[in-house]
Amino acid sequence: MKSKSYFSLFPLFLLLLLLTSCEKPYLGEGAPAGTPAGNLTVSVFQLEQTPFSDYTRATPSDACTHLNFAIYNGETRLKQINQTSDMADFGHVSFQLDAGTYQLVVVAHSSKGNPTMTDPKKIQFDNSDGYSDTFLYSEDVTIASDPVNLSLTLHRIVALCRFVITDDYPQGVAKMQFKYTGGSGAFNAATGQGCVKSTQTVTYDITTGQKQFDLYTFPYQGEECTIHLTASALDASGIEITQRTFDVPLATNNITWLSGDFFSGSNIQSASLDLSIDTQWAAESHLTY
């Protein structure tokens, strides 16, 4: 009888052994609830100069909907945690790391999806997810015997063209499409500068009457760039009604306003630009077309 009892308990013993020996896999979307704190704790304290407004500081939830935290060993990504602003721990993460020196990269943005962060030299957004105000922290961190707690400030790395239409939309216009080159949709985390010459495309449904459009880019390999912008008015089927082109100077952490009557004299395909500086913000250029 004892022999039969041992055999009947053996499957239960195997199940207990399996449950106690397994580790939960890293999923890359934030640590599961109740996960113990690691030896590197990161908190986003503030975002510098956000939004493009009169004040110069904001908490993460004021300025972005996504935070991406990544740990790299050289060019190899070891871990990544993605957060959205509806998460209770938004802005706070913890990693468990072996002793050594790593590159910590944190990206804050409001695009529809997360950037590709496989390579720290090429962190890339794409047209389908769109482009937004974007902030970066990128520094080396050394892990030894004591836990490391960091409180970070992220810095803006985009330039903004704010395109404003001052006349009325003709009948039949349902969308505005903006296609621009000269900047980049990807950046190098070490420099914060654009690293790939990109064609960026953004399309807006203007049935709500929207007339102001924000076009973001990472200046390519520098703090300044000039984008070649093609603005097109489309009907509901995507057929072009009116098109105009512009060359717009931009600079990191600067707004260039581009405004005027878009549809008046719509046979004009390009326009020269007059540059003026709003010294109150000291980083806004107002252009007319």
Protein backbone atom coordinates (compact mmCIF):
# COMPACT_ATOMS: atom_id res chain seq x y z
CA MET A 1 0.00 0.00 0.00
CA LYS A 2 2.85 2.41 0.75
CA SER A 3 4.26 1.87 -2.75
CA LYS A 4 0.94 2.91 -4.34
CA SER A 5 0.80 6.06 -2.15
CA TYR A 6 4.26 7.14 -3.32
CA PHE A 7 3.28 6.68 -6.98
CA SER A 8 0.06 8.67 -6.55
CA LEU A 9 2.00 11.61 -5.02
CA PHE A 10 4.77 11.59 -7.65
CA PRO A 11 2.87 13.69 -10.32
CA LEU A 12 2.05 16.32 -7.66
CA PHE A 13 5.73 16.48 -6.69
CA LEU A 14 6.73 17.06 -10.33
CA LEU A 15 4.16 19.87 -10.70
CA LEU A 16 5.42 21.65 -7.58
CA LEU A 17 9.01 21.33 -8.79
CA LEU A 18 8.10 22.84 -12.16
CA LEU A 19 6.23 25.80 -10.65
CA THR A 20 9.04 26.71 -8.25
CA SER A 21 11.83 26.46 -10.83
CA CYS A 22 10.33 28.47 -13.71
CA GLU A 23 11.07 32.18 -14.29
CA LYS A 24 8.61 34.52 -15.97
CA PRO A 25 9.94 35.58 -19.41
CA TYR A 26 10.68 39.27 -20.08
CA LEU A 27 7.89 40.63 -22.27
CA GLY A 28 9.24 44.11 -22.97
CA GLU A 29 6.05 45.95 -21.99
CA GLY A 30 6.70 46.69 -18.31
CA ALA A 31 7.27 44.45 -15.34
CA PRO A 32 4.31 42.32 -14.11
CA ALA A 33 2.51 43.53 -10.98
CA GLY A 34 4.34 42.53 -7.83
CA THR A 35 7.71 42.12 -9.53
CA PRO A 36 10.52 42.92 -7.04
CA ALA A 37 12.52 46.09 -7.69
CA GLY A 38 15.77 45.61 -9.59
CA ASN A 39 19.14 47.19 -8.91
CA LEU A 40 18.52 50.03 -11.40
CA THR A 41 15.45 52.17 -10.75
CA VAL A 42 14.61 54.95 -13.21
CA SER A 43 12.09 57.76 -12.74
CA VAL A 44 11.32 60.46 -15.30
CA PHE A 45 11.31 63.66 -13.25
CA GLN A 46 10.59 66.28 -15.89
CA LEU A 47 10.71 67.08 -19.57
CA GLU A 48 12.60 70.19 -20.55
CA GLN A 49 10.85 73.00 -22.44
CA THR A 50 7.53 71.35 -23.09
CA PRO A 51 5.12 71.84 -24.65
CA PHE A 52 5.92 74.55 -27.21
CA SER A 53 4.28 77.12 -24.98
CA ASP A 54 4.96 79.87 -22.45
CA TYR A 55 6.15 77.57 -19.67
CA THR A 56 9.29 75.45 -19.76
CA ARG A 57 8.67 72.43 -17.52
CA ALA A 58 6.11 69.63 -17.46
CA THR A 59 5.59 66.23 -15.94
CA PRO A 60 5.68 63.29 -18.37
CA SER A 61 1.90 62.87 -18.48
CA ASP A 62 1.52 66.54 -19.52
CA ALA A 63 3.77 66.18 -22.53
CA CYS A 64 3.69 62.65 -23.89
CA THR A 65 1.61 59.49 -24.14
CA HIS A 66 4.48 57.01 -24.54
CA LEU A 67 7.73 56.34 -22.69
CA ASN A 68 10.30 53.83 -23.96
CA PHE A 69 13.15 52.67 -21.72
CA ALA A 70 15.99 50.59 -23.18
CA ILE A 71 19.24 49.16 -21.82
CA TYR A 72 22.12 48.53 -24.24
CA ASN A 73 25.44 46.75 -23.86
CA GLY A 74 27.40 48.29 -26.71
CA GLU A 75 25.11 48.04 -29.72
CA THR A 76 23.12 45.12 -28.28
CA ARG A 77 19.76 45.88 -26.72
CA LEU A 78 19.42 43.84 -23.52
CA LYS A 79 16.06 45.01 -22.20
CA GLN A 80 13.24 47.34 -23.15
CA ILE A 81 10.14 48.52 -21.29
CA ASN A 82 7.37 50.44 -23.07
CA GLN A 83 4.79 52.45 -21.14
CA THR A 84 1.67 54.42 -22.00
CA SER A 85 0.27 57.31 -19.98
CA ASP A 86 -2.72 55.29 -18.76
CA MET A 87 -0.43 53.01 -16.71
CA ALA A 88 -0.30 53.61 -12.96
CA ASP A 89 3.52 53.43 -12.90
CA PHE A 90 3.99 55.71 -15.92
CA GLY A 91 7.45 57.26 -15.68
CA HIS A 92 8.88 54.69 -13.25
CA VAL A 93 10.65 51.43 -14.15
CA SER A 94 13.13 49.00 -12.62
CA PHE A 95 15.75 46.74 -14.21
CA GLN A 96 17.80 43.91 -12.74
CA LEU A 97 21.28 44.02 -14.28
CA ASP A 98 24.64 42.33 -13.78
CA ALA A 99 27.55 44.49 -12.66
CA GLY A 100 28.91 46.54 -15.54
CA THR A 101 28.43 49.72 -17.56
CA TYR A 102 25.40 50.10 -19.83
CA GLN A 103 23.79 52.74 -22.03
CA LEU A 104 20.39 53.84 -20.74
CA VAL A 105 18.09 55.40 -23.35
CA VAL A 106 14.68 56.91 -22.55
CA VAL A 107 12.40 58.32 -25.25
CA ALA A 108 9.21 60.30 -24.57
CA HIS A 109 6.73 60.97 -27.38
CA SER A 110 3.08 60.92 -28.44
CA SER A 111 3.22 58.93 -31.66
CA LYS A 112 0.59 56.24 -32.22
CA GLY A 113 3.10 53.42 -31.69
CA ASN A 114 6.57 52.75 -30.33
CA PRO A 115 9.75 53.45 -32.28
CA THR A 116 12.07 50.67 -33.41
CA MET A 117 14.87 50.65 -30.81
CA THR A 118 16.94 47.61 -31.80
CA ASP A 119 19.97 49.78 -32.58
CA PRO A 120 20.76 52.82 -30.37
CA LYS A 121 22.38 54.53 -33.36
CA LYS A 122 19.10 54.34 -35.29
CA ILE A 123 15.95 54.76 -33.21
CA GLN A 124 13.24 55.09 -35.83
CA PHE A 125 9.64 56.26 -36.09
CA ASP A 126 7.62 55.60 -39.23
CA ASN A 127 4.91 57.29 -41.25
CA SER A 128 2.17 54.91 -40.15
CA ASP A 129 2.62 55.85 -36.48
CA GLY A 130 3.27 59.52 -37.15
CA TYR A 131 5.70 61.98 -35.58
CA SER A 132 5.34 64.05 -32.44
CA ASP A 133 7.13 66.19 -29.91
CA THR A 134 9.99 63.93 -28.79
CA PHE A 135 12.35 63.99 -25.81
CA LEU A 136 15.49 61.99 -25.06
CA TYR A 137 17.73 60.88 -22.22
CA SER A 138 20.85 58.91 -23.17
CA GLU A 139 23.74 58.31 -20.77
CA ASP A 140 25.98 55.51 -19.52
CA VAL A 141 25.15 54.03 -16.12
CA THR A 142 27.45 51.82 -14.05
CA ILE A 143 26.01 49.03 -11.90
CA ALA A 144 28.08 47.75 -8.97
CA SER A 145 27.14 46.27 -5.60
CA ASP A 146 24.77 49.06 -4.50
CA PRO A 147 21.40 49.78 -6.15
CA VAL A 148 21.26 52.80 -8.49
CA ASN A 149 18.32 55.21 -8.42
CA LEU A 150 18.07 57.81 -11.18
CA SER A 151 15.74 60.79 -11.57
CA LEU A 152 15.93 61.97 -15.17
CA THR A 153 15.29 65.12 -17.17
CA LEU A 154 14.64 64.55 -20.87
CA HIS A 155 15.51 67.10 -23.56
CA ARG A 156 13.63 67.93 -26.74
CA ILE A 157 15.35 66.66 -29.91
CA VAL A 158 12.86 67.65 -32.63
CA ALA A 159 12.33 70.71 -34.79
CA LEU A 160 8.78 71.81 -35.58
CA CYS A 161 7.17 73.36 -38.64
CA ARG A 162 3.77 74.72 -37.65
CA PHE A 163 1.79 75.07 -40.89
CA VAL A 164 -1.27 77.35 -40.74
CA ILE A 165 -3.88 77.88 -43.47
CA THR A 166 -5.55 81.29 -43.15
CA ASP A 167 -8.12 81.11 -45.97
CA ASP A 168 -11.20 78.90 -46.32
CA TYR A 169 -11.21 75.36 -47.66
CA PRO A 170 -12.79 75.03 -51.11
CA GLN A 171 -15.67 72.62 -51.47
CA GLY A 172 -14.52 69.04 -51.88
CA VAL A 173 -11.32 69.26 -49.80
CA ALA A 174 -11.35 66.49 -47.16
CA LYS A 175 -7.68 65.92 -46.35
CA MET A 176 -4.37 67.76 -46.13
CA GLN A 177 -1.23 65.78 -46.85
CA PHE A 178 2.29 66.95 -46.02
CA LYS A 179 5.33 65.23 -47.51
CA TYR A 180 8.76 66.54 -46.58
CA THR A 181 12.42 65.70 -47.01
CA GLY A 182 15.60 67.18 -45.56
CA GLY A 183 15.05 65.97 -42.02
CA SER A 184 14.96 62.49 -40.52
CA GLY A 185 12.41 60.13 -39.01
CA ALA A 186 15.19 58.40 -37.04
CA PHE A 187 17.85 59.59 -34.61
CA ASN A 188 21.10 58.50 -33.00
CA ALA A 189 20.60 58.18 -29.24
CA ALA A 190 24.17 59.31 -28.54
CA THR A 191 23.70 62.67 -30.29
CA GLY A 192 19.93 63.14 -30.53
CA GLN A 193 20.43 64.13 -34.17
CA GLY A 194 18.73 62.68 -37.23
CA CYS A 195 20.67 59.79 -38.74
CA VAL A 196 18.73 58.78 -41.88
CA LYS A 197 17.57 61.00 -44.72
CA SER A 198 13.86 60.34 -44.68
CA THR A 199 10.73 61.15 -46.63
CA GLN A 200 8.17 61.90 -43.94
CA THR A 201 4.47 61.91 -44.79
CA VAL A 202 1.58 62.99 -42.59
CA THR A 203 -2.09 63.09 -43.66
CA TYR A 204 -4.84 64.88 -41.74
CA ASP A 205 -8.62 64.55 -42.04
CA ILE A 206 -9.77 68.19 -42.04
CA THR A 207 -13.53 67.62 -41.95
CA THR A 208 -13.46 69.11 -38.44
CA GLY A 209 -12.12 72.37 -39.89
CA GLN A 210 -8.54 71.95 -38.64
CA LYS A 211 -6.22 74.61 -40.07
CA GLN A 212 -3.07 74.29 -37.97
CA PHE A 213 -0.76 71.32 -38.58
CA ASP A 214 2.39 70.39 -36.66
CA LEU A 215 5.14 68.72 -38.69
CA TYR A 216 8.06 67.28 -36.69
CA THR A 217 11.48 66.11 -37.77
CA PHE A 218 14.90 65.27 -36.34
CA PRO A 219 17.39 67.60 -38.09
CA TYR A 220 19.74 65.39 -40.09
CA GLN A 221 23.23 65.22 -38.56
CA GLY A 222 23.01 68.68 -37.03
CA GLU A 223 20.98 71.18 -35.06
CA GLU A 224 19.56 72.84 -38.19
CA CYS A 225 18.08 71.72 -41.49
CA THR A 226 15.87 72.93 -44.32
CA ILE A 227 12.97 70.72 -45.26
CA HIS A 228 11.47 70.66 -48.74
CA LEU A 229 7.75 70.52 -48.03
CA THR A 230 4.96 69.56 -50.44
CA ALA A 231 1.51 70.41 -49.08
CA SER A 232 -1.43 68.88 -50.93
CA ALA A 233 -5.18 69.32 -50.54
CA LEU A 234 -6.99 66.05 -51.31
CA ASP A 235 -10.59 65.00 -51.80
CA ALA A 236 -12.17 62.15 -49.84
CA SER A 237 -10.79 59.60 -52.33
CA GLY A 238 -7.23 60.93 -52.00
CA ILE A 239 -7.21 62.71 -55.36
CA GLU A 240 -5.11 65.87 -55.31
CA ILE A 241 -6.95 69.18 -55.72
CA THR A 242 -4.21 71.70 -54.93
CA GLN A 243 -0.49 71.41 -54.28
CA ARG A 244 2.13 73.91 -53.14
CA THR A 245 5.81 73.51 -52.24
CA PHE A 246 7.99 75.31 -49.70
CA ASP A 247 11.55 75.26 -48.40
CA VAL A 248 11.39 75.73 -44.64
CA PRO A 249 14.40 76.33 -42.34
CA LEU A 250 14.18 74.44 -39.04
CA ALA A 251 16.28 74.04 -35.90
CA THR A 252 16.15 71.69 -32.93
CA ASN A 253 13.85 72.93 -30.14
CA ASN A 254 12.62 75.73 -32.42
CA ILE A 255 9.24 76.36 -34.01
CA THR A 256 9.05 77.71 -37.54
CA TRP A 257 5.55 79.05 -38.21
CA LEU A 258 4.49 78.92 -41.87
CA SER A 259 1.17 80.63 -42.52
CA GLY A 260 -0.80 82.22 -45.32
CA ASP A 261 -3.64 81.86 -47.81
CA PHE A 262 -3.05 78.41 -49.22
CA PHE A 263 -5.85 78.29 -51.81
CA SER A 264 -5.75 81.88 -53.11
CA GLY A 265 -3.78 81.81 -56.35
CA SER A 266 -3.55 78.04 -56.13
CA ASN A 267 -1.86 77.81 -59.53
CA ILE A 268 1.36 78.99 -57.80
CA GLN A 269 3.44 75.90 -57.02
CA SER A 270 6.13 77.49 -54.85
CA ALA A 271 6.67 80.55 -52.72
CA SER A 272 9.56 82.59 -51.38
CA LEU A 273 9.67 83.00 -47.63
CA ASP A 274 10.38 86.03 -45.44
CA LEU A 275 11.97 85.17 -42.10
CA SER A 276 11.26 86.98 -38.86
CA ILE A 277 12.10 86.08 -35.27
CA ASP A 278 9.78 86.25 -32.28
CA THR A 279 12.27 87.27 -29.60
CA GLN A 280 9.79 86.64 -26.78
CA TRP A 281 10.22 82.89 -27.24
CA ALA A 282 13.68 83.29 -28.85
CA ALA A 283 13.07 80.10 -30.76
CA GLU A 284 10.15 80.79 -33.09
CA SER A 285 10.44 81.84 -36.73
CA HIS A 286 7.37 83.24 -38.48
CA LEU A 287 7.17 82.74 -42.21
CA THR A 288 4.42 83.70 -44.63
CA TYR A 289 3.52 82.27 -48.00
